Amino acid sequence: MNDTGIVSYMKNSPKKVLIAALGALGVILLICGAFMPSSDGGGESTPEASASDYARELEARITAICEKVAGVSDVSVLLTLDGGSERVFAENKSDAGDSYVVVSVDGEERTVLVREIYSSVRGIAVVCRGGGDAATKRTISELLSCALGVPISKISVAGAGK
């Protein structure tokens, strides 16, 4: 039997077969990933809503950790973020140009989200009972700096009024 065309081309180069197989596997994984249930209930959220949810979650976690510090109570936290979140979508790169990978889920076309990069914390303000004490200020500042990777100069702790 005389091999012609793509079969003979592939027989002469096992690397090309491997590359083709890996490419096909990648496409299959992207398509299968689109059909997996998402942890957010499947609804699309806007980047602004996502950033504000992220800020609220961080504020709640900061409040909880600060309330565990000895001598601290009635904690209020204000957190500022540096910009919004960034979403990275899967792309098809070709000589004709780049385009996003689009899949159909329940009759609705969606782009494939690869990852979401949350914005960094710009500053933290904490007001709490006990926050007027110098040792408490230092403890809270060091705690938050270590936990969130924010310089101590970007963290302010103040005592709460009556």
Protein backbone atom coordinates (compact mmCIF):
# COMPACT_ATOMS: atom_id res chain seq x y z
CA MET A 1 0.00 0.00 0.00
CA ASN A 2 1.36 3.38 -0.95
CA ASP A 3 1.10 6.03 1.83
CA THR A 4 0.34 9.46 0.48
CA GLY A 5 -0.63 12.78 1.90
CA ILE A 6 -0.83 13.42 5.62
CA VAL A 7 -0.18 9.81 6.68
CA SER A 8 3.24 9.70 5.04
CA TYR A 9 3.97 13.22 6.25
CA MET A 10 3.23 12.19 9.85
CA LYS A 11 5.16 8.89 9.60
CA ASN A 12 8.30 10.80 8.67
CA SER A 13 8.12 13.06 11.72
CA PRO A 14 7.03 11.70 15.13
CA LYS A 15 7.45 15.18 16.64
CA LYS A 16 4.69 16.49 14.40
CA VAL A 17 2.38 13.70 15.56
CA LEU A 18 3.11 14.59 19.18
CA ILE A 19 2.49 18.29 18.55
CA ALA A 20 -0.79 17.55 16.78
CA ALA A 21 -1.90 15.23 19.60
CA LEU A 22 -1.04 17.81 22.29
CA GLY A 23 -2.89 20.51 20.35
CA ALA A 24 -5.98 18.33 20.08
CA LEU A 25 -5.79 17.50 23.79
CA GLY A 26 -5.56 21.23 24.64
CA VAL A 27 -8.68 22.02 22.59
CA ILE A 28 -10.57 19.14 24.24
CA LEU A 29 -9.57 20.37 27.72
CA LEU A 30 -10.69 23.91 26.93
CA ILE A 31 -14.06 22.70 25.69
CA CYS A 32 -14.55 20.35 28.67
CA GLY A 33 -13.56 23.10 31.12
CA ALA A 34 -16.29 25.34 29.76
CA PHE A 35 -18.91 22.77 30.72
CA MET A 36 -17.69 22.37 34.31
CA PRO A 37 -19.88 24.14 36.89
CA SER A 38 -18.37 27.33 38.21
CA SER A 39 -18.12 28.16 41.92
CA ASP A 40 -20.00 31.46 41.50
CA GLY A 41 -23.25 29.80 40.45
CA GLY A 42 -22.60 30.29 36.73
CA GLY A 43 -23.55 33.95 36.62
CA GLU A 44 -21.31 36.47 34.95
CA SER A 45 -20.16 39.29 37.19
CA THR A 46 -18.77 42.62 36.15
CA PRO A 47 -15.16 43.46 37.01
CA GLU A 48 -16.38 46.34 39.18
CA ALA A 49 -18.69 44.08 41.19
CA SER A 50 -15.93 41.53 41.50
CA ALA A 51 -13.47 44.15 42.82
CA SER A 52 -15.97 45.50 45.33
CA ASP A 53 -16.83 41.95 46.49
CA TYR A 54 -13.12 41.28 46.87
CA ALA A 55 -12.67 44.48 48.93
CA ARG A 56 -15.67 43.63 51.16
CA GLU A 57 -14.36 40.11 51.74
CA LEU A 58 -10.91 41.43 52.67
CA GLU A 59 -12.43 44.04 55.00
CA ALA A 60 -14.45 41.32 56.76
CA ARG A 61 -11.37 39.12 57.14
CA ILE A 62 -9.29 42.05 58.45
CA THR A 63 -12.04 42.92 60.93
CA ALA A 64 -12.18 39.31 62.15
CA ILE A 65 -8.41 39.04 62.64
CA CYS A 66 -8.13 42.43 64.35
CA GLU A 67 -10.90 41.55 66.82
CA LYS A 68 -8.80 38.60 67.98
CA VAL A 69 -5.96 40.89 69.08
CA ALA A 70 -5.91 41.35 72.87
CA GLY A 71 -7.50 44.64 73.96
CA VAL A 72 -9.18 45.33 70.61
CA SER A 73 -12.93 45.52 69.98
CA ASP A 74 -15.49 47.38 67.82
CA VAL A 75 -13.30 47.22 64.72
CA SER A 76 -14.09 49.20 61.56
CA VAL A 77 -11.93 48.75 58.46
CA LEU A 78 -11.59 50.81 55.29
CA LEU A 79 -9.60 49.22 52.50
CA THR A 80 -8.51 50.86 49.26
CA LEU A 81 -7.50 48.85 46.22
CA ASP A 82 -5.10 49.80 43.49
CA GLY A 83 -7.35 49.68 40.42
CA GLY A 84 -9.74 46.91 39.51
CA SER A 85 -9.34 43.24 38.83
CA GLU A 86 -8.04 41.91 35.54
CA ARG A 87 -9.49 38.97 33.67
CA VAL A 88 -7.40 36.84 31.34
CA PHE A 89 -9.30 34.94 28.64
CA ALA A 90 -8.14 32.04 26.45
CA GLU A 91 -7.05 33.19 23.00
CA ASN A 92 -6.52 31.59 19.62
CA LYS A 93 -3.35 32.95 18.05
CA SER A 94 -2.94 32.60 14.31
CA ASP A 95 -1.40 34.33 11.31
CA ALA A 96 -4.79 35.89 10.58
CA GLY A 97 -4.88 37.52 14.02
CA ASP A 98 -5.78 36.82 17.61
CA SER A 99 -9.29 35.96 18.78
CA TYR A 100 -10.87 34.79 22.01
CA VAL A 101 -11.86 31.17 22.50
CA VAL A 102 -15.67 31.05 22.55
CA VAL A 103 -17.74 28.06 23.67
CA SER A 104 -21.45 27.49 23.76
CA VAL A 105 -22.92 26.72 27.19
CA ASP A 106 -26.66 26.05 27.40
CA GLY A 107 -27.15 27.82 24.08
CA GLU A 108 -25.24 30.90 25.24
CA GLU A 109 -21.84 31.77 23.82
CA ARG A 110 -19.17 32.59 26.40
CA THR A 111 -15.48 33.33 26.37
CA VAL A 112 -13.21 30.99 28.34
CA LEU A 113 -11.86 32.67 31.49
CA VAL A 114 -8.34 31.44 32.25
CA ARG A 115 -7.74 33.40 35.46
CA GLU A 116 -8.69 36.55 37.33
CA ILE A 117 -5.98 38.73 38.83
CA TYR A 118 -7.26 40.72 41.78
CA SER A 119 -6.00 44.22 42.42
CA SER A 120 -3.44 44.86 45.12
CA VAL A 121 -4.22 46.59 48.40
CA ARG A 122 -3.22 50.27 48.34
CA GLY A 123 -3.96 51.10 51.96
CA ILE A 124 -5.76 50.02 55.11
CA ALA A 125 -7.39 52.17 57.79
CA VAL A 126 -8.46 50.51 61.03
CA VAL A 127 -10.46 52.24 63.77
CA CYS A 128 -11.05 50.24 66.93
CA ARG A 129 -11.36 50.43 70.68
CA GLY A 130 -7.85 49.92 72.00
CA GLY A 131 -6.32 51.28 68.80
CA GLY A 132 -5.01 54.38 70.57
CA ASP A 133 -2.40 52.31 72.43
CA ALA A 134 1.03 52.38 70.72
CA ALA A 135 1.69 48.66 71.28
CA THR A 136 -1.71 47.75 69.85
CA LYS A 137 -1.13 49.97 66.79
CA ARG A 138 2.21 48.28 66.17
CA THR A 139 0.74 44.79 66.64
CA ILE A 140 -2.15 45.42 64.23
CA SER A 141 0.10 47.13 61.66
CA GLU A 142 2.64 44.28 61.71
CA LEU A 143 -0.13 41.68 61.58
CA LEU A 144 -1.78 43.24 58.52
CA SER A 145 1.52 43.97 56.81
CA CYS A 146 2.57 40.36 57.15
CA ALA A 147 -0.82 38.90 56.19
CA LEU A 148 -1.46 41.08 53.14
CA GLY A 149 2.03 42.10 52.04
CA VAL A 150 1.25 45.79 52.50
CA PRO A 151 4.01 48.09 53.80
CA ILE A 152 3.44 49.31 57.36
CA SER A 153 3.54 52.87 56.00
CA LYS A 154 0.26 52.11 54.15
CA ILE A 155 -1.56 50.95 57.30
CA SER A 156 -3.16 53.37 59.76
CA VAL A 157 -4.62 52.33 63.11
CA ALA A 158 -6.62 54.73 65.30
CA GLY A 159 -8.55 54.45 68.55
CA ALA A 160 -12.34 54.64 68.42
CA GLY A 161 -14.20 57.49 70.11
CA LYS A 162 -16.97 56.99 72.63
